[in-house]
Amino acid sequence: MNTPVNLKKLDSVKKCMDHLDILGVDAKTKQIVYMYMECLYQEVKSNECNEFLTTDIQEKTSKREAHQ
């Protein structure tokens, strides 16, 4: 079971939230952005995203090599 992540400790998340404050984004939008960032973090942590990126890079490399 994945435990909740304290994203507020991550520098990139803090910077993003600070920028949303500067832009005057409402609280509901900030909450949505934060939720997506948490989901993304969990995906990367569980390697689902890494596996997708590896497959995607391999496919693009194969296509590029085929055209050469």
C-alpha atoms as a PDB file:
ATOM      1  CA  MET A   1       0.000   0.000   0.000  1.00  0.00           C
ATOM      2  CA  ASN A   2       1.311   3.443  -0.917  1.00  0.00           C
ATOM      3  CA  THR A   3       1.620   5.837   1.965  1.00  0.00           C
ATOM      4  CA  PRO A   4       0.681   9.485   1.468  1.00  0.00           C
ATOM      5  CA  VAL A   5       3.584  11.655   0.401  1.00  0.00           C
ATOM      6  CA  ASN A   6       4.334  14.986   1.980  1.00  0.00           C
ATOM      7  CA  LEU A   7       4.908  16.809  -1.294  1.00  0.00           C
ATOM      8  CA  LYS A   8       5.272  20.129   0.508  1.00  0.00           C
ATOM      9  CA  LYS A   9       8.813  19.040   1.373  1.00  0.00           C
ATOM     10  CA  LEU A  10       9.792  18.687  -2.300  1.00  0.00           C
ATOM     11  CA  ASP A  11      11.428  21.821  -3.724  1.00  0.00           C
ATOM     12  CA  SER A  12       9.790  21.552  -7.144  1.00  0.00           C
ATOM     13  CA  VAL A  13       6.329  21.321  -5.587  1.00  0.00           C
ATOM     14  CA  LYS A  14       6.998  24.285  -3.306  1.00  0.00           C
ATOM     15  CA  LYS A  15       8.190  26.347  -6.270  1.00  0.00           C
ATOM     16  CA  CYS A  16       5.112  25.387  -8.270  1.00  0.00           C
ATOM     17  CA  MET A  17       2.782  26.353  -5.423  1.00  0.00           C
ATOM     18  CA  ASP A  18       4.673  29.642  -4.977  1.00  0.00           C
ATOM     19  CA  HIS A  19       4.246  30.397  -8.688  1.00  0.00           C
ATOM     20  CA  LEU A  20       0.535  29.626  -8.469  1.00  0.00           C
ATOM     21  CA  ASP A  21       0.324  32.137  -5.597  1.00  0.00           C
ATOM     22  CA  ILE A  22       2.141  34.750  -7.691  1.00  0.00           C
ATOM     23  CA  LEU A  23      -0.297  34.147 -10.544  1.00  0.00           C
ATOM     24  CA  GLY A  24      -3.227  34.598  -8.169  1.00  0.00           C
ATOM     25  CA  VAL A  25      -4.641  31.138  -8.775  1.00  0.00           C
ATOM     26  CA  ASP A  26      -7.671  30.242  -6.650  1.00  0.00           C
ATOM     27  CA  ALA A  27      -7.476  27.617  -3.898  1.00  0.00           C
ATOM     28  CA  LYS A  28      -9.488  25.007  -5.820  1.00  0.00           C
ATOM     29  CA  THR A  29      -7.109  25.155  -8.807  1.00  0.00           C
ATOM     30  CA  LYS A  30      -4.092  24.874  -6.495  1.00  0.00           C
ATOM     31  CA  GLN A  31      -5.683  21.816  -4.896  1.00  0.00           C
ATOM     32  CA  ILE A  32      -6.191  20.182  -8.304  1.00  0.00           C
ATOM     33  CA  VAL A  33      -2.600  20.908  -9.360  1.00  0.00           C
ATOM     34  CA  TYR A  34      -1.319  19.504  -6.073  1.00  0.00           C
ATOM     35  CA  MET A  35      -3.408  16.351  -6.471  1.00  0.00           C
ATOM     36  CA  TYR A  36      -2.031  15.752  -9.976  1.00  0.00           C
ATOM     37  CA  MET A  37       1.509  16.322  -8.728  1.00  0.00           C
ATOM     38  CA  GLU A  38       0.946  13.773  -5.971  1.00  0.00           C
ATOM     39  CA  CYS A  39      -0.383  11.237  -8.490  1.00  0.00           C
ATOM     40  CA  LEU A  40       2.579  11.850 -10.779  1.00  0.00           C
ATOM     41  CA  TYR A  41       4.980  11.428  -7.887  1.00  0.00           C
ATOM     42  CA  GLN A  42       3.352   8.125  -6.927  1.00  0.00           C
ATOM     43  CA  GLU A  43       3.514   6.886 -10.536  1.00  0.00           C
ATOM     44  CA  VAL A  44       7.192   7.707 -10.826  1.00  0.00           C
ATOM     45  CA  LYS A  45       7.877   6.198  -7.431  1.00  0.00           C
ATOM     46  CA  SER A  46       6.186   2.961  -8.456  1.00  0.00           C
ATOM     47  CA  ASN A  47       8.092   2.919 -11.787  1.00  0.00           C
ATOM     48  CA  GLU A  48       4.922   2.855 -13.884  1.00  0.00           C
ATOM     49  CA  CYS A  49       5.949   6.126 -15.456  1.00  0.00           C
ATOM     50  CA  ASN A  50       9.571   5.003 -15.869  1.00  0.00           C
ATOM     51  CA  GLU A  51       8.491   1.853 -17.694  1.00  0.00           C
ATOM     52  CA  PHE A  52       6.288   3.914 -20.013  1.00  0.00           C
ATOM     53  CA  LEU A  53       9.075   6.380 -20.759  1.00  0.00           C
ATOM     54  CA  THR A  54      11.580   3.594 -21.407  1.00  0.00           C
ATOM     55  CA  THR A  55       9.200   1.900 -23.847  1.00  0.00           C
ATOM     56  CA  ASP A  56       8.403   5.218 -25.530  1.00  0.00           C
ATOM     57  CA  ILE A  57      12.090   6.098 -25.926  1.00  0.00           C
ATOM     58  CA  GLN A  58      12.873   2.645 -27.325  1.00  0.00           C
ATOM     59  CA  GLU A  59      10.048   2.947 -29.870  1.00  0.00           C
ATOM     60  CA  LYS A  60      11.183   6.407 -30.989  1.00  0.00           C
ATOM     61  CA  THR A  61      14.796   5.252 -31.268  1.00  0.00           C
ATOM     62  CA  SER A  62      13.746   2.266 -33.384  1.00  0.00           C
ATOM     63  CA  LYS A  63      11.690   4.478 -35.699  1.00  0.00           C
ATOM     64  CA  ARG A  64      14.554   6.966 -36.026  1.00  0.00           C
ATOM     65  CA  GLU A  65      17.031   4.191 -36.846  1.00  0.00           C
ATOM     66  CA  ALA A  66      14.634   2.734 -39.425  1.00  0.00           C
ATOM     67  CA  HIS A  67      14.484   6.085 -41.249  1.00  0.00           C
ATOM     68  CA  GLN A  68      18.261   6.438 -41.442  1.00  0.00           C
END
